[in-house]
C-alpha atoms as a PDB file:
ATOM      1  CA  MET A   1       9.386  12.668 -23.331  1.00  0.00           C
ATOM      2  CA  VAL A   2      12.622  14.549 -22.674  1.00  0.00           C
ATOM      3  CA  GLU A   3      14.868  11.752 -23.910  1.00  0.00           C
ATOM      4  CA  ILE A   4      12.985  11.411 -27.188  1.00  0.00           C
ATOM      5  CA  ARG A   5      13.267  15.148 -27.833  1.00  0.00           C
ATOM      6  CA  LYS A   6      17.018  14.773 -27.296  1.00  0.00           C
ATOM      7  CA  LEU A   7      17.046  11.884 -29.767  1.00  0.00           C
ATOM      8  CA  PHE A   8      15.474  14.010 -32.502  1.00  0.00           C
ATOM      9  CA  LYS A   9      17.813  16.895 -31.726  1.00  0.00           C
ATOM     10  CA  HIS A  10      21.144  15.055 -31.509  1.00  0.00           C
ATOM     11  CA  ALA A  11      20.841  11.848 -33.552  1.00  0.00           C
ATOM     12  CA  SER A  12      22.836  11.691 -36.790  1.00  0.00           C
ATOM     13  CA  PHE A  13      20.113   9.564 -38.407  1.00  0.00           C
ATOM     14  CA  ASN A  14      16.395   9.817 -39.016  1.00  0.00           C
ATOM     15  CA  PRO A  15      14.850   8.533 -35.763  1.00  0.00           C
ATOM     16  CA  PHE A  16      11.787   7.235 -37.607  1.00  0.00           C
ATOM     17  CA  GLU A  17      14.002   5.019 -39.781  1.00  0.00           C
ATOM     18  CA  ALA A  18      16.577   4.038 -37.146  1.00  0.00           C
ATOM     19  CA  SER A  19      18.175   0.616 -37.345  1.00  0.00           C
ATOM     20  CA  ARG A  20      19.419  -1.388 -34.413  1.00  0.00           C
ATOM     21  CA  GLU A  21      22.971  -0.283 -35.259  1.00  0.00           C
ATOM     22  CA  ASN A  22      21.887   3.350 -35.252  1.00  0.00           C
ATOM     23  CA  ILE A  23      20.470   2.918 -31.756  1.00  0.00           C
ATOM     24  CA  ARG A  24      23.645   1.146 -30.622  1.00  0.00           C
ATOM     25  CA  GLU A  25      25.808   4.047 -31.814  1.00  0.00           C
ATOM     26  CA  TYR A  26      23.486   6.568 -30.215  1.00  0.00           C
ATOM     27  CA  LEU A  27      23.612   4.785 -26.849  1.00  0.00           C
ATOM     28  CA  LYS A  28      27.417   4.869 -26.847  1.00  0.00           C
ATOM     29  CA  ARG A  29      27.302   8.568 -26.076  1.00  0.00           C
ATOM     30  CA  PHE A  30      25.738   7.690 -22.701  1.00  0.00           C
ATOM     31  CA  GLY A  31      28.156   4.868 -21.871  1.00  0.00           C
ATOM     32  CA  SER A  32      30.353   7.005 -19.626  1.00  0.00           C
ATOM     33  CA  MET A  33      27.420   8.365 -17.659  1.00  0.00           C
ATOM     34  CA  SER A  34      25.877   6.864 -14.562  1.00  0.00           C
ATOM     35  CA  PRO A  35      23.962   3.590 -14.964  1.00  0.00           C
ATOM     36  CA  TYR A  36      20.820   5.426 -13.899  1.00  0.00           C
ATOM     37  CA  THR A  37      21.117   7.930 -16.753  1.00  0.00           C
ATOM     38  CA  TYR A  38      21.838   5.186 -19.285  1.00  0.00           C
ATOM     39  CA  ALA A  39      18.883   3.136 -18.032  1.00  0.00           C
ATOM     40  CA  ASN A  40      16.529   6.116 -18.324  1.00  0.00           C
ATOM     41  CA  VAL A  41      17.606   6.745 -21.924  1.00  0.00           C
ATOM     42  CA  LEU A  42      17.217   3.089 -22.890  1.00  0.00           C
ATOM     43  CA  LYS A  43      13.835   2.877 -21.175  1.00  0.00           C
ATOM     44  CA  SER A  44      12.576   5.880 -23.159  1.00  0.00           C
ATOM     45  CA  LEU A  45      13.877   4.471 -26.437  1.00  0.00           C
ATOM     46  CA  ARG A  46      12.234   1.113 -25.801  1.00  0.00           C
ATOM     47  CA  ILE A  47       8.870   2.726 -25.124  1.00  0.00           C
ATOM     48  CA  PHE A  48       9.165   4.957 -28.196  1.00  0.00           C
ATOM     49  CA  TYR A  49      10.167   2.244 -30.673  1.00  0.00           C
ATOM     50  CA  ARG A  50       8.365  -0.752 -29.231  1.00  0.00           C
ATOM     51  CA  ASP A  51       5.105   0.810 -28.072  1.00  0.00           C
ATOM     52  CA  PHE A  52       4.715   3.981 -30.119  1.00  0.00           C
ATOM     53  CA  LEU A  53       6.273   3.105 -33.511  1.00  0.00           C
ATOM     54  CA  ASN A  54       5.626  -0.641 -33.220  1.00  0.00           C
ATOM     55  CA  ARG A  55       9.252  -1.354 -34.166  1.00  0.00           C
ATOM     56  CA  PRO A  56      10.567  -3.543 -31.318  1.00  0.00           C
ATOM     57  CA  GLU A  57      13.385  -4.875 -33.525  1.00  0.00           C
ATOM     58  CA  ALA A  58      15.131  -1.475 -33.339  1.00  0.00           C
ATOM     59  CA  VAL A  59      15.682  -1.786 -29.583  1.00  0.00           C
ATOM     60  CA  SER A  60      15.763  -5.554 -29.088  1.00  0.00           C
ATOM     61  CA  GLY A  61      18.712  -7.102 -27.312  1.00  0.00           C
ATOM     62  CA  PHE A  62      19.855  -4.007 -25.412  1.00  0.00           C
ATOM     63  CA  ARG A  63      20.338  -4.739 -21.739  1.00  0.00           C
ATOM     64  CA  PHE A  64      19.939  -2.437 -18.805  1.00  0.00           C
ATOM     65  CA  PRO A  65      23.134  -1.864 -16.772  1.00  0.00           C
ATOM     66  CA  ASN A  66      23.565  -3.271 -13.314  1.00  0.00           C
ATOM     67  CA  ARG A  67      22.778  -0.591 -10.803  1.00  0.00           C
ATOM     68  CA  PRO A  68      24.957  -0.356  -7.692  1.00  0.00           C
ATOM     69  CA  PHE A  69      23.243  -1.340  -4.476  1.00  0.00           C
ATOM     70  CA  ASN A  70      23.365   1.466  -1.945  1.00  0.00           C
ATOM     71  CA  PRO A  71      22.029   0.348   1.425  1.00  0.00           C
ATOM     72  CA  VAL A  72      19.560   2.786   2.924  1.00  0.00           C
ATOM     73  CA  ARG A  73      20.658   4.301   6.201  1.00  0.00           C
ATOM     74  CA  VAL A  74      17.715   5.441   8.249  1.00  0.00           C
ATOM     75  CA  PRO A  75      18.023   7.549  11.398  1.00  0.00           C
ATOM     76  CA  THR A  76      17.617   5.948  14.785  1.00  0.00           C
ATOM     77  CA  ARG A  77      14.723   6.674  17.083  1.00  0.00           C
ATOM     78  CA  LYS A  78      17.113   8.745  19.205  1.00  0.00           C
ATOM     79  CA  ASP A  79      17.916  10.805  16.095  1.00  0.00           C
ATOM     80  CA  LEU A  80      14.225  11.409  15.488  1.00  0.00           C
ATOM     81  CA  GLN A  81      13.661  12.380  19.105  1.00  0.00           C
ATOM     82  CA  SER A  82      16.581  14.809  19.003  1.00  0.00           C
ATOM     83  CA  PHE A  83      15.231  16.410  15.836  1.00  0.00           C
ATOM     84  CA  TYR A  84      11.656  16.581  17.124  1.00  0.00           C
ATOM     85  CA  LYS A  85      12.708  18.420  20.289  1.00  0.00           C
ATOM     86  CA  ARG A  86      13.943  21.294  18.134  1.00  0.00           C
ATOM     87  CA  LEU A  87      10.627  21.742  16.343  1.00  0.00           C
ATOM     88  CA  ASP A  88       8.977  24.887  17.655  1.00  0.00           C
ATOM     89  CA  LYS A  89       5.744  25.123  15.650  1.00  0.00           C
ATOM     90  CA  PRO A  90       2.649  22.898  15.914  1.00  0.00           C
ATOM     91  CA  LEU A  91       2.633  22.757  12.097  1.00  0.00           C
ATOM     92  CA  HIS A  92       6.111  21.234  11.903  1.00  0.00           C
ATOM     93  CA  LYS A  93       5.441  18.826  14.772  1.00  0.00           C
ATOM     94  CA  ALA A  94       2.259  17.533  13.157  1.00  0.00           C
ATOM     95  CA  LEU A  95       3.923  17.160   9.758  1.00  0.00           C
ATOM     96  CA  PHE A  96       6.948  15.384  11.217  1.00  0.00           C
ATOM     97  CA  LEU A  97       4.877  12.827  13.110  1.00  0.00           C
ATOM     98  CA  LEU A  98       2.463  12.210  10.240  1.00  0.00           C
ATOM     99  CA  TYR A  99       5.342  11.461   7.881  1.00  0.00           C
ATOM    100  CA  ALA A 100       7.018   9.200  10.423  1.00  0.00           C
ATOM    101  CA  THR A 101       3.917   7.234  11.440  1.00  0.00           C
ATOM    102  CA  THR A 102       1.916   6.937   8.201  1.00  0.00           C
ATOM    103  CA  GLY A 103       4.493   6.044   5.546  1.00  0.00           C
ATOM    104  CA  LEU A 104       2.909   8.546   3.158  1.00  0.00           C
ATOM    105  CA  ARG A 105       4.827  10.361   0.440  1.00  0.00           C
ATOM    106  CA  GLN A 106       5.620  14.057   0.752  1.00  0.00           C
ATOM    107  CA  HIS A 107       2.959  15.255  -1.690  1.00  0.00           C
ATOM    108  CA  GLU A 108       0.333  12.944  -0.184  1.00  0.00           C
ATOM    109  CA  VAL A 109       0.645  14.576   3.225  1.00  0.00           C
ATOM    110  CA  LEU A 110       0.862  18.128   1.852  1.00  0.00           C
ATOM    111  CA  SER A 111      -2.249  17.588  -0.276  1.00  0.00           C
ATOM    112  CA  LEU A 112      -4.357  16.237   2.608  1.00  0.00           C
ATOM    113  CA  ARG A 113      -7.632  17.946   3.371  1.00  0.00           C
ATOM    114  CA  LEU A 114      -9.484  17.752   6.656  1.00  0.00           C
ATOM    115  CA  ARG A 115     -12.062  15.414   5.122  1.00  0.00           C
ATOM    116  CA  ASP A 116      -9.292  12.857   4.422  1.00  0.00           C
ATOM    117  CA  ILE A 117      -8.655  12.310   8.132  1.00  0.00           C
ATOM    118  CA  ASP A 118     -10.693  10.376  10.669  1.00  0.00           C
ATOM    119  CA  LEU A 119      -9.344  11.555  14.022  1.00  0.00           C
ATOM    120  CA  GLU A 120     -11.449   9.107  15.995  1.00  0.00           C
ATOM    121  CA  LYS A 121      -9.975   6.097  14.182  1.00  0.00           C
ATOM    122  CA  ARG A 122      -6.604   7.767  13.549  1.00  0.00           C
ATOM    123  CA  MET A 123      -7.130   6.866   9.889  1.00  0.00           C
ATOM    124  CA  ILE A 124      -6.135   8.614   6.659  1.00  0.00           C
ATOM    125  CA  ILE A 125      -7.452   7.965   3.170  1.00  0.00           C
ATOM    126  CA  PRO A 126      -5.065  10.002   0.984  1.00  0.00           C
ATOM    127  CA  ASN A 127      -6.630  11.402  -2.152  1.00  0.00           C
ATOM    128  CA  GLY A 128      -3.535  11.012  -4.323  1.00  0.00           C
ATOM    129  CA  GLY A 129      -4.622   8.959  -7.316  1.00  0.00           C
ATOM    130  CA  THR A 130      -3.085   5.718  -8.544  1.00  0.00           C
ATOM    131  CA  SER A 131      -0.560   4.432 -11.046  1.00  0.00           C
ATOM    132  CA  ARG A 132       0.941   1.104 -12.034  1.00  0.00           C
ATOM    133  CA  THR A 133       3.326   1.137  -9.073  1.00  0.00           C
ATOM    134  CA  LYS A 134       1.507   3.410  -6.639  1.00  0.00           C
ATOM    135  CA  ARG A 135      -1.858   3.045  -4.987  1.00  0.00           C
ATOM    136  CA  THR A 136      -4.043   5.057  -2.675  1.00  0.00           C
ATOM    137  CA  TRP A 137      -4.455   2.937   0.454  1.00  0.00           C
ATOM    138  CA  ILE A 138      -5.819   3.506   3.887  1.00  0.00           C
ATOM    139  CA  THR A 139      -3.127   4.227   6.433  1.00  0.00           C
ATOM    140  CA  PHE A 140      -3.039   5.258  10.074  1.00  0.00           C
ATOM    141  CA  PHE A 141      -1.102   7.420  12.517  1.00  0.00           C
ATOM    142  CA  ASN A 142      -0.229   6.725  16.130  1.00  0.00           C
ATOM    143  CA  GLU A 143      -1.339   8.445  19.339  1.00  0.00           C
ATOM    144  CA  GLU A 144       1.677  10.767  19.316  1.00  0.00           C
ATOM    145  CA  ALA A 145       0.747  12.083  15.881  1.00  0.00           C
ATOM    146  CA  GLU A 146      -2.889  12.324  16.954  1.00  0.00           C
ATOM    147  CA  LYS A 147      -1.947  14.572  19.868  1.00  0.00           C
ATOM    148  CA  ALA A 148       0.273  16.784  17.694  1.00  0.00           C
ATOM    149  CA  LEU A 149      -2.411  17.025  15.024  1.00  0.00           C
ATOM    150  CA  LYS A 150      -5.083  18.052  17.533  1.00  0.00           C
ATOM    151  CA  GLU A 151      -2.788  20.724  18.987  1.00  0.00           C
ATOM    152  CA  TYR A 152      -2.158  22.035  15.475  1.00  0.00           C
ATOM    153  CA  LEU A 153      -5.871  22.047  14.588  1.00  0.00           C
ATOM    154  CA  ALA A 154      -6.784  23.825  17.830  1.00  0.00           C
ATOM    155  CA  SER A 155      -5.417  27.068  16.395  1.00  0.00           C
ATOM    156  CA  PHE A 156      -7.995  27.025  13.596  1.00  0.00           C
ATOM    157  CA  LYS A 157     -11.541  28.207  13.940  1.00  0.00           C
ATOM    158  CA  GLY A 158     -14.206  26.700  11.716  1.00  0.00           C
ATOM    159  CA  LEU A 159     -11.764  25.026   9.322  1.00  0.00           C
ATOM    160  CA  ASP A 160     -13.525  23.982   6.117  1.00  0.00           C
ATOM    161  CA  LYS A 161     -13.411  20.235   5.534  1.00  0.00           C
ATOM    162  CA  ASP A 162     -12.335  20.875   1.943  1.00  0.00           C
ATOM    163  CA  ALA A 163      -9.497  23.186   2.949  1.00  0.00           C
ATOM    164  CA  LYS A 164      -5.906  21.993   2.765  1.00  0.00           C
ATOM    165  CA  LEU A 165      -4.787  20.673   6.102  1.00  0.00           C
ATOM    166  CA  PHE A 166      -1.246  22.048   5.752  1.00  0.00           C
ATOM    167  CA  PRO A 167      -1.050  25.364   3.848  1.00  0.00           C
ATOM    168  CA  VAL A 168       2.651  24.978   3.120  1.00  0.00           C
ATOM    169  CA  GLY A 169       4.647  23.947   0.057  1.00  0.00           C
ATOM    170  CA  SER A 170       7.441  21.403  -0.246  1.00  0.00           C
ATOM    171  CA  PHE A 171      10.085  24.140  -0.571  1.00  0.00           C
ATOM    172  CA  CYS A 172       9.065  25.842   2.681  1.00  0.00           C
ATOM    173  CA  LEU A 173       8.973  22.501   4.478  1.00  0.00           C
ATOM    174  CA  ARG A 174      12.416  21.561   3.209  1.00  0.00           C
ATOM    175  CA  LYS A 175      13.795  24.953   4.255  1.00  0.00           C
ATOM    176  CA  ALA A 176      12.391  24.530   7.767  1.00  0.00           C
ATOM    177  CA  PHE A 177      13.748  20.999   8.123  1.00  0.00           C
ATOM    178  CA  MET A 178      17.196  22.113   6.917  1.00  0.00           C
ATOM    179  CA  LYS A 179      17.261  24.705   9.701  1.00  0.00           C
ATOM    180  CA  PHE A 180      16.714  22.024  12.325  1.00  0.00           C
ATOM    181  CA  GLU A 181      19.198  19.762  10.567  1.00  0.00           C
ATOM    182  CA  ARG A 182      21.910  22.376  11.105  1.00  0.00           C
ATOM    183  CA  GLU A 183      20.982  22.594  14.778  1.00  0.00           C
ATOM    184  CA  THR A 184      20.907  18.850  15.453  1.00  0.00           C
ATOM    185  CA  GLY A 185      23.218  17.322  12.862  1.00  0.00           C
ATOM    186  CA  VAL A 186      20.377  14.923  11.964  1.00  0.00           C
ATOM    187  CA  ARG A 187      19.267  14.929   8.321  1.00  0.00           C
ATOM    188  CA  ILE A 188      15.498  14.589   8.060  1.00  0.00           C
ATOM    189  CA  ARG A 189      13.351  14.747   4.948  1.00  0.00           C
ATOM    190  CA  PRO A 190       9.833  13.388   4.292  1.00  0.00           C
ATOM    191  CA  GLN A 191      11.339  10.553   2.228  1.00  0.00           C
ATOM    192  CA  ILE A 192      13.722   9.658   5.059  1.00  0.00           C
ATOM    193  CA  LEU A 193      10.805   9.502   7.510  1.00  0.00           C
ATOM    194  CA  ARG A 194       8.927   7.290   5.035  1.00  0.00           C
ATOM    195  CA  GLU A 195      11.923   4.937   4.904  1.00  0.00           C
ATOM    196  CA  TRP A 196      12.169   4.968   8.693  1.00  0.00           C
ATOM    197  CA  PHE A 197       8.494   4.031   8.935  1.00  0.00           C
ATOM    198  CA  SER A 198       8.933   1.017   6.629  1.00  0.00           C
ATOM    199  CA  THR A 199      12.070  -0.142   8.427  1.00  0.00           C
ATOM    200  CA  GLU A 200      10.586   0.264  11.894  1.00  0.00           C
ATOM    201  CA  MET A 201       7.296  -1.450  11.040  1.00  0.00           C
ATOM    202  CA  ALA A 202       9.227  -4.390   9.616  1.00  0.00           C
ATOM    203  CA  ARG A 203      11.333  -4.517  12.812  1.00  0.00           C
ATOM    204  CA  LEU A 204       8.101  -4.592  14.815  1.00  0.00           C
ATOM    205  CA  GLY A 205       7.021  -7.692  12.924  1.00  0.00           C
ATOM    206  CA  VAL A 206       4.569  -6.260  10.387  1.00  0.00           C
ATOM    207  CA  PRO A 207       4.568  -8.384   7.184  1.00  0.00           C
ATOM    208  CA  ASP A 208       5.967  -6.680   4.097  1.00  0.00           C
ATOM    209  CA  ARG A 209       2.642  -6.744   2.255  1.00  0.00           C
ATOM    210  CA  TYR A 210       1.013  -4.666   4.969  1.00  0.00           C
ATOM    211  CA  VAL A 211       3.949  -2.246   5.192  1.00  0.00           C
ATOM    212  CA  ASP A 212       3.554  -1.804   1.428  1.00  0.00           C
ATOM    213  CA  ALA A 213      -0.165  -1.179   1.850  1.00  0.00           C
ATOM    214  CA  PHE A 214       0.362   1.471   4.534  1.00  0.00           C
ATOM    215  CA  SER A 215       2.989   3.130   2.323  1.00  0.00           C
ATOM    216  CA  GLY A 216       0.858   3.040  -0.823  1.00  0.00           C
ATOM    217  CA  ARG A 217       2.924   0.525  -2.774  1.00  0.00           C
ATOM    218  CA  VAL A 218       1.355  -2.087  -5.030  1.00  0.00           C
ATOM    219  CA  PRO A 219       1.599  -5.630  -3.555  1.00  0.00           C
ATOM    220  CA  ARG A 220       4.411  -7.582  -5.207  1.00  0.00           C
ATOM    221  CA  SER A 221       3.287 -11.196  -4.860  1.00  0.00           C
ATOM    222  CA  VAL A 222       0.200 -13.139  -5.871  1.00  0.00           C
ATOM    223  CA  LEU A 223      -0.447 -13.892  -2.209  1.00  0.00           C
ATOM    224  CA  ALA A 224      -0.351 -10.209  -1.330  1.00  0.00           C
ATOM    225  CA  ARG A 225      -2.463  -9.145  -4.303  1.00  0.00           C
ATOM    226  CA  HIS A 226      -5.266 -11.680  -4.162  1.00  0.00           C
ATOM    227  CA  TYR A 227      -5.277 -13.484  -0.816  1.00  0.00           C
ATOM    228  CA  THR A 228      -4.655 -10.757   1.744  1.00  0.00           C
ATOM    229  CA  ASP A 229      -7.311  -8.920   3.732  1.00  0.00           C
ATOM    230  CA  TYR A 230      -6.833  -5.177   3.242  1.00  0.00           C
ATOM    231  CA  SER A 231     -10.059  -4.109   4.927  1.00  0.00           C
ATOM    232  CA  PRO A 232      -9.820  -0.994   7.143  1.00  0.00           C
ATOM    233  CA  GLU A 233     -10.585  -3.127  10.210  1.00  0.00           C
ATOM    234  CA  ARG A 234      -7.778  -5.579   9.471  1.00  0.00           C
ATOM    235  CA  LEU A 235      -5.278  -2.862   8.613  1.00  0.00           C
ATOM    236  CA  LYS A 236      -6.038  -0.957  11.815  1.00  0.00           C
ATOM    237  CA  GLU A 237      -5.687  -4.145  13.850  1.00  0.00           C
ATOM    238  CA  ILE A 238      -2.243  -4.768  12.374  1.00  0.00           C
ATOM    239  CA  TYR A 239      -1.157  -1.148  12.749  1.00  0.00           C
ATOM    240  CA  ASP A 240      -2.211  -0.887  16.393  1.00  0.00           C
ATOM    241  CA  LYS A 241      -0.687  -4.247  17.275  1.00  0.00           C
ATOM    242  CA  ALA A 242       2.705  -3.066  16.020  1.00  0.00           C
ATOM    243  CA  GLY A 243       2.752  -0.340  18.705  1.00  0.00           C
ATOM    244  CA  LEU A 244       4.768   2.152  16.660  1.00  0.00           C
ATOM    245  CA  LYS A 245       6.368   4.815  18.903  1.00  0.00           C
ATOM    246  CA  ILE A 246       8.757   7.671  18.256  1.00  0.00           C
ATOM    247  CA  LEU A 247       8.800   9.942  21.290  1.00  0.00           C
ATOM    248  CA  GLU A 248       8.792   7.097  23.823  1.00  0.00           C
ATOM    249  CA  ASP A 249      11.595   4.562  24.263  1.00  0.00           C
END
């Protein structure tokens, strides 16, 4: 890990023999930095000493700093409509609407292959792997995204099901979106559209556990983990009932 390499490079003591006081003195150098930086350093040290060296006493008692709460400001539907009207390529239109109506992460959409999409059911099974906090769930897209996706696919002839659906990288996508941002004054990024999706689905009455499922987040409660129906049929029923719209008021 980066922070552990820094420890071995800058510490005035032998990291393998560090005492709790050594760690305290080392952490002081990060005290004037942002709480996020300090928390990342402490998290790395805890993993290294507690889990790797089996020396939890060296990092016991250190507390993570309080992180400031910054409310998320998501664009309005009018903002999204204004931005969408500026999009001049079927590729950008399809990407925009998939991000806004699926809740998927940037890399999950860019790594999609044709075989991951069921156009008839408007269903996506992203092939993005899993982790402790992230899951690969089934999600869906609305009729607006379906139309844009079909228009985009119409320009391809005999597209291989294993081929990437969107042959574009994150840098090129960001560059394109920044161009339209300058024209509209509306800041749009894949992560912002993901946040808009979660906020809008919650406003439409979708329970948090299902919004988490659509967005690929691990359920947070026992009820959500063990007593909730996440079958494709149930998820589609909930998604369609919400009636998510972007281009229509």
